[in-house]
Protein backbone atom coordinates (compact mmCIF):
# COMPACT_ATOMS: atom_id res chain seq x y z
CA MET A 1 140.78 121.93 -122.42
CA SER A 2 137.09 122.24 -122.37
CA ALA A 3 134.38 119.72 -120.97
CA ASP A 4 132.54 119.98 -124.09
CA ASN A 5 135.58 118.71 -126.26
CA PRO A 6 135.36 115.07 -127.02
CA ARG A 7 138.22 114.30 -126.20
CA SER A 8 137.57 114.98 -122.89
CA LEU A 9 135.07 112.08 -123.32
CA TRP A 10 138.10 110.05 -124.37
CA LEU A 11 140.24 111.16 -121.37
CA THR A 12 137.75 110.32 -119.32
CA ALA A 13 137.21 106.55 -120.69
CA ALA A 14 141.36 105.75 -120.46
CA ALA A 15 141.22 106.76 -116.98
CA LEU A 16 138.30 105.12 -115.80
CA ALA A 17 140.10 102.45 -118.12
CA LEU A 18 142.96 102.34 -115.90
CA LEU A 19 140.65 101.87 -112.98
CA TRP A 20 139.33 99.02 -114.44
CA CYS A 21 142.37 97.85 -114.66
CA VAL A 22 143.28 97.71 -111.38
CA GLY A 23 140.45 94.96 -110.32
CA LEU A 24 140.55 93.53 -113.83
CA PHE A 25 144.51 92.08 -114.10
CA GLY A 26 145.99 92.91 -110.47
CA ARG A 27 144.90 89.68 -109.22
CA GLY A 28 143.93 86.50 -109.30
CA TYR A 29 140.97 84.14 -109.27
CA TRP A 30 138.83 84.86 -106.03
CA THR A 31 136.76 81.88 -104.70
CA PRO A 32 134.02 80.69 -105.00
CA ASP A 33 132.90 81.66 -108.28
CA GLU A 34 135.76 83.13 -110.18
CA PRO A 35 137.45 79.57 -110.61
CA ARG A 36 134.08 78.05 -111.52
CA GLU A 37 133.73 80.87 -114.46
CA ALA A 38 137.20 80.03 -115.53
CA ALA A 39 136.84 77.01 -115.79
CA LEU A 40 133.72 77.47 -117.95
CA ALA A 41 135.59 79.90 -120.25
CA ALA A 42 138.51 77.25 -120.71
CA SER A 43 135.97 74.19 -121.81
CA VAL A 44 135.43 76.53 -124.84
CA SER A 45 138.50 77.83 -125.73
CA THR A 46 139.57 75.09 -127.30
CA GLN A 47 136.02 73.69 -128.66
CA ALA A 48 133.03 75.14 -130.00
CA LEU A 49 130.15 74.55 -127.87
CA ALA A 50 126.84 75.42 -127.75
CA LEU A 51 126.83 75.58 -123.45
CA PRO A 52 130.12 75.48 -121.84
CA GLN A 53 131.17 72.10 -119.63
CA LEU A 54 131.83 71.98 -116.10
CA GLY A 55 134.24 68.97 -115.09
CA GLY A 56 132.62 66.96 -118.70
CA VAL A 57 129.24 67.60 -117.70
CA THR A 58 127.05 69.79 -119.73
CA PHE A 59 126.13 73.47 -117.82
CA ALA A 60 123.08 75.13 -118.55
CA GLU A 61 122.45 77.87 -116.27
CA LYS A 62 123.49 80.62 -118.36
CA PRO A 63 123.56 81.44 -122.19
CA PRO A 64 127.04 80.96 -122.96
CA LEU A 65 128.36 84.60 -124.84
CA THR A 66 130.41 85.07 -121.75
CA TYR A 67 132.27 81.88 -122.01
CA TRP A 68 132.71 82.10 -126.07
CA LEU A 69 134.45 85.85 -125.51
CA ALA A 70 136.51 84.77 -122.22
CA GLY A 71 137.47 81.41 -123.84
CA ALA A 72 138.53 83.16 -127.10
CA SER A 73 140.67 85.13 -125.16
CA MET A 74 142.29 82.60 -123.37
CA ALA A 75 142.82 80.39 -126.45
CA GLN A 76 144.44 84.01 -127.31
CA PHE A 77 146.65 84.96 -124.68
CA GLY A 78 146.72 81.91 -122.35
CA ARG A 79 144.81 80.67 -119.36
CA GLY A 80 145.47 83.28 -116.53
CA ALA A 81 143.31 85.40 -114.82
CA ALA A 82 144.13 88.70 -116.74
CA ALA A 83 143.24 86.99 -120.02
CA ALA A 84 139.67 85.58 -118.88
CA ARG A 85 138.56 89.11 -117.87
CA LEU A 86 140.04 90.83 -120.81
CA PRO A 87 136.71 90.91 -122.53
CA GLN A 88 134.75 92.41 -119.23
CA LEU A 89 137.23 95.83 -119.94
CA GLY A 90 134.97 96.12 -123.45
CA TYR A 91 131.91 95.56 -121.61
CA ALA A 92 132.68 98.03 -118.88
CA LEU A 93 133.87 100.55 -122.08
CA LEU A 94 130.44 99.78 -123.71
CA ALA A 95 128.44 100.69 -120.64
CA PHE A 96 130.25 103.70 -120.27
CA PHE A 97 129.55 104.97 -123.56
CA ALA A 98 125.95 103.95 -123.72
CA VAL A 99 125.10 105.69 -120.68
CA VAL A 100 126.68 108.94 -121.68
CA ALA A 101 124.77 108.78 -124.88
CA LEU A 102 121.71 108.22 -123.04
CA ALA A 103 122.17 111.26 -120.58
CA ARG A 104 122.70 113.10 -123.70
CA ALA A 105 119.79 112.36 -125.28
CA LEU A 106 117.89 113.31 -121.69
CA LEU A 107 119.30 116.35 -121.42
CA ALA A 108 119.01 117.78 -125.11
CA GLY A 109 118.97 120.89 -125.32
CA LYS A 110 120.40 122.34 -121.99
CA ALA A 111 123.57 123.90 -121.05
CA ASP A 112 126.23 121.74 -120.76
CA ALA A 113 124.99 118.99 -121.48
CA ARG A 114 127.86 117.17 -122.84
CA ALA A 115 129.82 117.81 -119.77
CA THR A 116 126.86 116.71 -117.42
CA ALA A 117 126.68 113.15 -119.42
CA ARG A 118 130.00 112.74 -118.97
CA ALA A 119 129.55 113.59 -115.52
CA ALA A 120 127.08 110.88 -115.70
CA GLY A 121 129.19 108.13 -116.87
CA MET A 122 131.66 108.46 -114.46
CA LEU A 123 129.36 108.48 -111.51
CA PHE A 124 127.92 104.92 -113.36
CA ALA A 125 131.22 103.60 -113.63
CA SER A 126 132.55 104.48 -110.02
CA GLY A 127 129.23 103.44 -108.40
CA ALA A 128 130.37 100.92 -105.64
CA LEU A 129 128.04 98.21 -106.76
CA ILE A 130 128.74 98.64 -110.53
CA TYR A 131 132.38 98.52 -110.36
CA GLN A 132 132.16 95.25 -108.58
CA VAL A 133 130.05 94.07 -111.10
CA GLN A 134 132.49 95.15 -114.10
CA ILE A 135 135.45 93.86 -112.75
CA TRP A 136 134.13 90.28 -111.32
CA LEU A 137 134.38 87.28 -113.97
CA ASP A 138 130.76 86.41 -114.31
CA THR A 139 127.85 87.13 -116.88
CA ASP A 140 126.22 90.26 -114.94
CA ALA A 141 128.87 92.70 -116.54
CA LEU A 142 127.97 91.38 -119.78
CA LEU A 143 124.28 91.59 -118.81
CA LEU A 144 124.88 95.05 -117.72
CA ALA A 145 126.35 96.91 -120.75
CA GLY A 146 123.67 95.05 -122.89
CA VAL A 147 120.88 97.14 -121.05
CA ALA A 148 122.52 100.55 -121.22
CA LEU A 149 122.86 99.97 -124.62
CA ALA A 150 119.58 99.01 -124.83
CA LEU A 151 117.94 101.44 -122.67
CA ALA A 152 120.12 104.17 -124.72
CA GLY A 153 118.80 102.91 -127.85
CA MET A 154 115.42 103.00 -126.57
CA TYR A 155 114.87 106.72 -125.55
CA THR A 156 116.64 107.31 -128.67
CA GLY A 157 113.79 105.80 -130.80
CA LEU A 158 111.37 107.29 -128.27
CA ALA A 159 112.40 110.78 -128.56
CA ALA A 160 112.94 111.10 -132.18
CA THR A 161 111.13 112.46 -134.96
CA ALA A 162 112.70 111.93 -137.66
CA ARG A 163 111.96 108.10 -139.65
CA ASP A 164 115.81 107.19 -139.75
CA ARG A 165 116.99 108.11 -136.24
CA ARG A 166 114.07 106.53 -134.44
CA LEU A 167 114.89 103.36 -136.67
CA CYS A 168 118.49 103.34 -135.41
CA GLY A 169 117.66 104.13 -131.86
CA TYR A 170 115.46 100.69 -132.02
CA LEU A 171 118.08 99.22 -133.72
CA ALA A 172 120.43 99.96 -130.75
CA MET A 173 117.59 98.91 -128.29
CA HIS A 174 117.34 95.25 -129.66
CA ALA A 175 121.27 94.95 -130.27
CA GLY A 176 121.30 96.09 -126.36
CA LEU A 177 118.27 93.35 -125.69
CA THR A 178 120.44 90.55 -128.05
CA LEU A 179 123.73 90.94 -125.94
CA ALA A 180 121.96 90.60 -122.63
CA PHE A 181 120.11 87.91 -123.41
CA PHE A 182 123.62 85.97 -124.03
CA GLY A 183 124.73 86.92 -121.27
CA LYS A 184 121.87 86.14 -118.24
CA ASN A 185 118.85 84.66 -120.31
CA LEU A 186 115.35 86.48 -120.54
CA ALA A 187 116.04 87.97 -116.93
CA ALA A 188 118.13 90.72 -118.33
CA TRP A 189 115.45 92.12 -120.14
CA LEU A 190 113.35 92.93 -117.43
CA VAL A 191 114.88 96.63 -116.36
CA PRO A 192 114.56 97.50 -120.29
CA VAL A 193 111.34 95.90 -120.28
CA LEU A 194 109.77 97.43 -117.64
CA ALA A 195 111.26 100.82 -118.41
CA PHE A 196 109.44 100.99 -121.67
CA LEU A 197 106.08 99.45 -120.85
CA CYS A 198 105.82 101.92 -117.88
CA PHE A 199 107.29 105.01 -120.07
CA ILE A 200 104.60 104.35 -123.10
CA ALA A 201 102.37 103.68 -120.23
CA TRP A 202 102.36 106.92 -118.58
CA GLU A 203 103.00 108.80 -121.56
CA ARG A 204 100.24 107.44 -123.13
CA ARG A 205 102.33 106.52 -125.79
CA TRP A 206 100.71 103.39 -127.06
CA ARG A 207 101.36 104.16 -130.63
CA GLU A 208 105.05 102.95 -130.27
CA LEU A 209 103.95 99.38 -130.36
CA LEU A 210 102.01 99.77 -133.96
CA ARG A 211 105.58 101.83 -135.51
CA TRP A 212 107.55 99.12 -137.61
CA GLU A 213 110.91 101.06 -136.65
CA PHE A 214 110.55 99.39 -133.27
CA TRP A 215 109.45 95.95 -134.58
CA LEU A 216 112.41 95.58 -137.54
CA GLY A 217 115.07 95.55 -135.24
CA ALA A 218 113.39 93.02 -133.55
CA LEU A 219 114.14 90.52 -136.07
CA LEU A 220 117.83 90.36 -134.81
CA PRO A 221 117.18 88.92 -131.20
CA LEU A 222 114.91 86.42 -132.41
CA ALA A 223 117.16 85.36 -135.07
CA CYS A 224 120.44 84.67 -132.67
CA ILE A 225 117.85 83.46 -129.99
CA SER A 226 116.27 80.95 -132.27
CA SER A 227 119.24 79.97 -134.08
CA TRP A 228 120.98 79.14 -130.29
CA VAL A 229 118.42 77.42 -129.28
CA LEU A 230 117.74 75.01 -132.36
CA SER A 231 121.36 74.11 -131.57
CA VAL A 232 121.41 73.27 -128.24
CA ALA A 233 118.54 70.75 -128.73
CA ALA A 234 119.76 69.26 -131.36
CA ARG A 235 122.29 68.09 -129.04
CA PRO A 236 121.78 64.45 -126.84
CA ASP A 237 120.55 66.06 -123.90
CA GLY A 238 119.45 69.57 -125.33
CA ALA A 239 115.79 68.74 -124.12
CA GLN A 240 116.90 68.91 -120.13
CA ALA A 241 119.50 71.47 -120.75
CA LEU A 242 116.92 73.81 -122.47
CA ARG A 243 113.90 72.96 -119.43
CA ILE A 244 117.01 74.02 -116.97
CA LEU A 245 117.42 77.07 -118.52
CA PHE A 246 114.33 78.24 -119.02
CA TRP A 247 112.38 77.01 -116.22
CA ASN A 248 114.07 75.81 -113.69
CA ASN A 249 116.81 78.84 -113.92
CA LEU A 250 114.60 81.47 -114.93
CA VAL A 251 111.23 80.88 -113.29
CA GLY A 252 112.53 78.95 -110.18
CA ARG A 253 114.24 82.08 -109.39
CA VAL A 254 111.21 84.45 -109.25
CA LEU A 255 108.68 81.46 -107.99
CA PRO A 256 109.21 78.29 -105.78
CA VAL A 257 108.81 75.01 -108.27
CA ALA A 258 109.47 71.44 -107.90
CA ALA A 259 112.65 70.83 -109.15
CA GLU A 260 115.52 68.45 -108.09
CA ALA A 261 118.17 69.77 -104.93
CA ARG A 262 120.75 70.32 -107.35
CA TYR A 263 118.74 72.72 -109.58
CA ASN A 264 116.66 74.22 -106.96
CA TYR A 265 117.76 78.20 -107.19
CA ALA A 266 115.14 79.39 -105.24
CA GLY A 267 116.10 77.87 -102.30
CA GLY A 268 119.87 78.95 -102.31
CA HIS A 269 119.08 82.68 -101.60
CA PRO A 270 116.26 83.47 -100.17
CA ASN A 271 114.62 87.07 -100.62
CA TRP A 272 112.61 89.27 -97.97
CA PRO A 273 110.23 91.96 -98.74
CA GLY A 274 111.99 95.23 -99.12
CA ARG A 275 115.60 94.04 -99.20
CA TYR A 276 116.53 96.09 -102.62
CA PHE A 277 114.87 99.49 -101.19
CA ALA A 278 116.45 98.96 -97.54
CA GLU A 279 119.98 97.83 -99.17
CA LEU A 280 119.76 100.98 -101.88
CA PRO A 281 121.73 103.44 -99.86
CA LEU A 282 124.16 100.58 -100.02
CA TYR A 283 124.11 99.74 -103.87
CA LEU A 284 124.11 103.64 -104.59
CA LEU A 285 127.68 104.17 -102.53
CA PRO A 286 129.03 106.89 -103.18
CA TRP A 287 126.98 109.18 -104.87
CA THR A 288 123.84 107.90 -102.42
CA ALA A 289 123.95 111.77 -101.27
CA LEU A 290 123.52 112.95 -104.69
CA ALA A 291 120.81 110.20 -105.34
CA VAL A 292 118.17 111.40 -102.40
CA TYR A 293 118.81 114.76 -104.15
CA ALA A 294 118.26 113.57 -107.27
CA LEU A 295 115.09 111.71 -105.80
CA ARG A 296 113.94 114.88 -104.17
CA ALA A 297 113.71 116.86 -108.01
CA ALA A 298 112.52 114.06 -109.40
CA TRP A 299 109.22 115.15 -107.76
CA ARG A 300 109.13 118.17 -109.42
CA GLY A 301 110.54 117.55 -112.55
CA VAL A 302 107.82 114.22 -113.30
CA ARG A 303 105.31 117.34 -112.96
CA GLN A 304 106.93 120.06 -115.72
CA SER A 305 106.05 119.93 -119.25
CA GLY A 306 107.58 118.96 -122.81
CA ALA A 307 110.62 116.82 -123.44
CA GLU A 308 111.99 117.42 -119.93
CA ARG A 309 108.74 116.10 -118.30
CA SER A 310 109.51 112.80 -120.67
CA ALA A 311 113.20 112.64 -119.38
CA TRP A 312 112.20 112.57 -115.82
CA ARG A 313 109.78 110.22 -116.29
CA PHE A 314 111.76 108.03 -118.25
CA ALA A 315 114.33 107.76 -115.44
CA LEU A 316 112.35 106.75 -112.87
CA CYS A 317 110.90 104.24 -114.92
CA ALA A 318 114.95 102.69 -115.65
CA ALA A 319 115.17 102.77 -111.88
CA LEU A 320 111.93 101.67 -109.65
CA PRO A 321 109.95 99.12 -111.76
CA GLY A 322 112.94 96.75 -111.61
CA LEU A 323 113.60 97.29 -108.12
CA LEU A 324 109.96 96.65 -107.05
CA LEU A 325 109.64 93.21 -109.28
CA LEU A 326 112.66 92.17 -108.15
CA SER A 327 111.63 92.86 -104.17
CA PHE A 328 108.34 89.99 -104.86
CA ALA A 329 111.48 87.27 -106.49
CA ALA A 330 112.43 84.00 -104.81
CA THR A 331 115.77 84.91 -105.13
CA GLY A 332 117.78 87.83 -103.62
CA ARG A 333 121.15 89.12 -104.65
CA SER A 334 122.71 92.52 -104.64
CA ILE A 335 124.15 91.52 -108.24
CA TYR A 336 120.33 91.74 -109.70
CA ALA A 337 119.81 95.55 -108.48
CA ALA A 338 123.13 96.61 -110.93
CA PRO A 339 120.99 97.41 -113.90
CA CYS A 340 118.53 99.57 -112.11
CA MET A 341 121.46 101.97 -110.87
CA ILE A 342 121.31 103.22 -114.31
CA GLY A 343 118.09 104.73 -113.75
CA PHE A 344 119.42 106.64 -110.77
CA VAL A 345 123.02 107.70 -112.69
CA LEU A 346 120.08 109.57 -115.14
CA LEU A 347 118.32 110.88 -112.61
CA ILE A 348 121.62 112.20 -110.38
CA ALA A 349 122.35 113.82 -114.33
CA LEU A 350 118.85 115.64 -114.68
CA TRP A 351 119.51 117.12 -111.54
CA MET A 352 122.83 118.42 -111.88
CA ALA A 353 121.55 120.19 -115.26
CA ASP A 354 119.74 122.74 -112.99
CA ALA A 355 120.42 122.15 -109.02
CA ALA A 356 120.74 125.02 -107.21
CA SER A 357 121.76 122.77 -104.50
CA ALA A 358 124.34 121.17 -106.02
CA PRO A 359 127.41 122.88 -103.59
CA ARG A 360 125.88 121.28 -100.47
CA ALA A 361 125.24 118.01 -102.05
CA VAL A 362 128.75 117.06 -103.44
CA ALA A 363 130.09 118.75 -100.22
CA VAL A 364 128.25 115.60 -98.63
CA THR A 365 129.11 113.03 -100.87
CA ALA A 366 133.08 114.13 -100.34
CA GLY A 367 132.45 114.24 -96.65
CA LEU A 368 130.89 110.90 -97.17
CA ILE A 369 133.59 109.36 -99.55
CA ALA A 370 136.35 110.49 -96.98
CA LEU A 371 134.93 108.84 -94.48
CA LEU A 372 134.43 105.20 -96.35
CA ALA A 373 138.38 106.12 -97.03
CA LEU A 374 138.95 106.17 -93.69
CA LEU A 375 137.29 103.43 -92.72
CA VAL A 376 138.58 101.26 -95.50
CA LEU A 377 142.14 102.38 -94.46
CA ALA A 378 141.36 100.96 -90.82
CA LEU A 379 140.08 98.11 -91.58
CA THR A 380 142.72 97.38 -93.93
CA VAL A 381 145.19 98.59 -91.13
CA ALA A 382 143.27 96.26 -88.63
CA LEU A 383 143.48 92.91 -90.82
CA GLN A 384 146.89 93.49 -91.63
CA TRP A 385 148.48 93.57 -87.89
CA THR A 386 145.59 90.57 -87.28
CA VAL A 387 147.13 88.87 -89.97
CA GLU A 388 150.97 89.42 -89.13
CA ARG A 389 150.11 88.93 -85.52
CA SER A 390 148.47 85.50 -85.89
CA THR A 391 151.68 84.24 -88.16
CA TRP A 392 153.96 85.55 -85.37
CA LEU A 393 152.13 83.42 -83.22
CA LEU A 394 152.08 80.40 -85.18
CA ARG A 395 155.45 80.10 -85.47
CA HIS A 396 157.07 80.92 -82.13
CA ALA A 397 154.25 79.12 -80.15
CA PRO A 398 156.43 76.77 -77.79
CA GLY A 399 155.89 73.06 -79.70
CA ALA A 400 153.94 75.15 -83.00
CA PRO A 401 154.06 72.66 -86.07
CA ALA A 402 156.24 73.65 -88.92
CA ILE A 403 154.19 74.81 -91.44
CA SER A 404 154.70 73.79 -95.27
CA PRO A 405 155.43 76.00 -98.22
CA ALA A 406 152.45 74.41 -99.68
CA ALA A 407 150.28 75.15 -96.56
CA ARG A 408 151.51 78.59 -96.60
CA GLY A 409 150.42 79.27 -100.64
CA PRO A 410 146.95 79.93 -101.09
CA HIS A 411 145.52 77.76 -103.68
CA ALA A 412 141.81 77.63 -104.71
CA SER A 413 139.78 74.49 -105.86
CA PHE A 414 137.00 73.18 -107.64
CA ARG A 415 135.60 71.18 -104.52
CA GLY A 416 132.27 72.58 -103.23
CA LEU A 417 131.90 74.68 -106.56
CA VAL A 418 130.99 71.76 -108.68
CA PRO A 419 126.83 72.11 -108.72
CA ALA A 420 125.29 69.58 -106.40
CA GLY A 421 125.03 66.25 -108.02
CA LEU A 422 127.88 66.35 -110.21
CA ALA A 423 130.41 65.36 -106.58
CA GLY A 424 133.16 62.71 -107.48
CA ARG A 425 133.81 63.18 -111.50
CA PRO A 426 136.64 64.11 -112.51
CA GLU A 427 137.73 68.03 -112.19
CA PRO A 428 138.20 69.81 -114.91
CA VAL A 429 141.74 69.89 -116.29
CA PHE A 430 142.06 73.78 -116.38
CA ARG A 431 143.00 74.88 -112.94
CA PRO A 432 142.86 78.45 -112.00
CA GLU A 433 145.65 80.59 -110.93
CA PRO A 434 146.24 80.56 -106.81
CA HIS A 435 144.07 82.70 -104.62
CA ALA A 436 145.06 86.09 -104.93
CA GLY A 437 142.60 87.64 -102.00
CA PRO A 438 144.36 88.22 -98.47
CA PRO A 439 145.71 85.04 -96.53
CA MET A 440 143.42 84.32 -93.17
CA ALA A 441 144.84 84.14 -90.01
CA GLY A 442 147.88 81.44 -89.97
CA GLY A 443 148.69 82.40 -93.60
CA VAL A 444 146.24 80.08 -95.19
CA ALA A 445 143.74 81.35 -97.38
CA GLY A 446 140.02 80.24 -97.14
CA ALA A 447 139.00 78.79 -100.11
CA ASP A 448 135.14 79.26 -99.73
CA ARG A 449 135.98 82.61 -99.43
CA ARG A 450 135.38 85.97 -101.65
CA SER A 451 138.34 88.79 -100.37
CA GLY A 452 138.82 92.02 -101.40
CA PRO A 453 137.07 94.82 -103.26
CA ALA A 454 134.79 92.36 -105.03
CA ALA A 455 133.80 90.30 -101.82
CA ALA A 456 130.05 91.74 -101.98
CA VAL A 457 129.57 90.48 -105.60
CA GLU A 458 127.17 87.25 -105.60
CA SER A 459 127.14 85.27 -109.05
CA GLY A 460 123.77 83.85 -110.46
């Protein structure tokens, strides 16, 4: 089958879906965040609420679309972990197809553009940070899908010469921005807004801001967001909820603001200068070597002429300004950098389209993947040996107390997950499935630890 055959794209998506299903449906809830997110989704599974609830208290940290969709899935298929994560398979597919469409637009006119764009989608979906975000029950997977759609529509509109195509592109951009907002507030617009402003400034195309096609689609996010804000404001606690949403949880993550301890979001995960750039090689795994070659090629690409120069510039604008601005934020978490990975994948796609050094880079990447696989295998064997040895010692040590079945079974709890200030209130009626990560020594899982492939994902 030809790589340019449309069926190849769908077969690739099906193969990636199997990869996502392993992380989405092959485990229970992982603490500490997933049980809380599942409880929030369960709170809107049986009633229509503008904001979800945790323990009967309004949870105003994030817009509710992720919880609405997960709650609808739980209402249909039960309250298990697989049902709660089912919508995330849709987010992952949307992000994949959006990245492929964006890469095709950037590679227009090049030989094997379709095959290279499909490869870019595969690189994106199989990246370590992206995969972790997409399988973790949280709002970041929806944010990532929205940003990918917004960037795809944005470049389509910017590169279009026909009015109809430009309008369709900008409409897709605004649809993506709407999804991204309802995933994680206005902070979700950081990468697409910076990419657009930096690109038109670099290209000196300020006239894009005067096009009616650009502004017509803005009615969609304006109508959706304003309707939801009005519904929140109509609640008895609406004013406080909006303050938490747009001041404490938005401005408070960028700048230190005066707030109650439970709403002091800047103090929990302090950032440090250059963190995102220092950790960037880890975010790009296992494709770090390809990204290094692509960044070297970008130095030449931005000085070319015509559409190819614009493509390189757009990819850089999607990758770097967001990371730079995040470096100045008060809070720092790896998942915040996930939308910037789209730009790096675009750089790799542009480099692969006409790279003479591709074989060498692929060889380096293959070696890196093999090394990582051996490392993971060694750690898995060591962990298994440690657990079995500890269990044997507990069972055979003189005078060792018997371990009850209840102690052996790992159970997740909401204790310690409820925001500060809510302690002592009744826990939600919904209780998560048992913790599915590997047990700690002694056979009892730590209720306050993440484990498994998504251990590095941080919610926020």
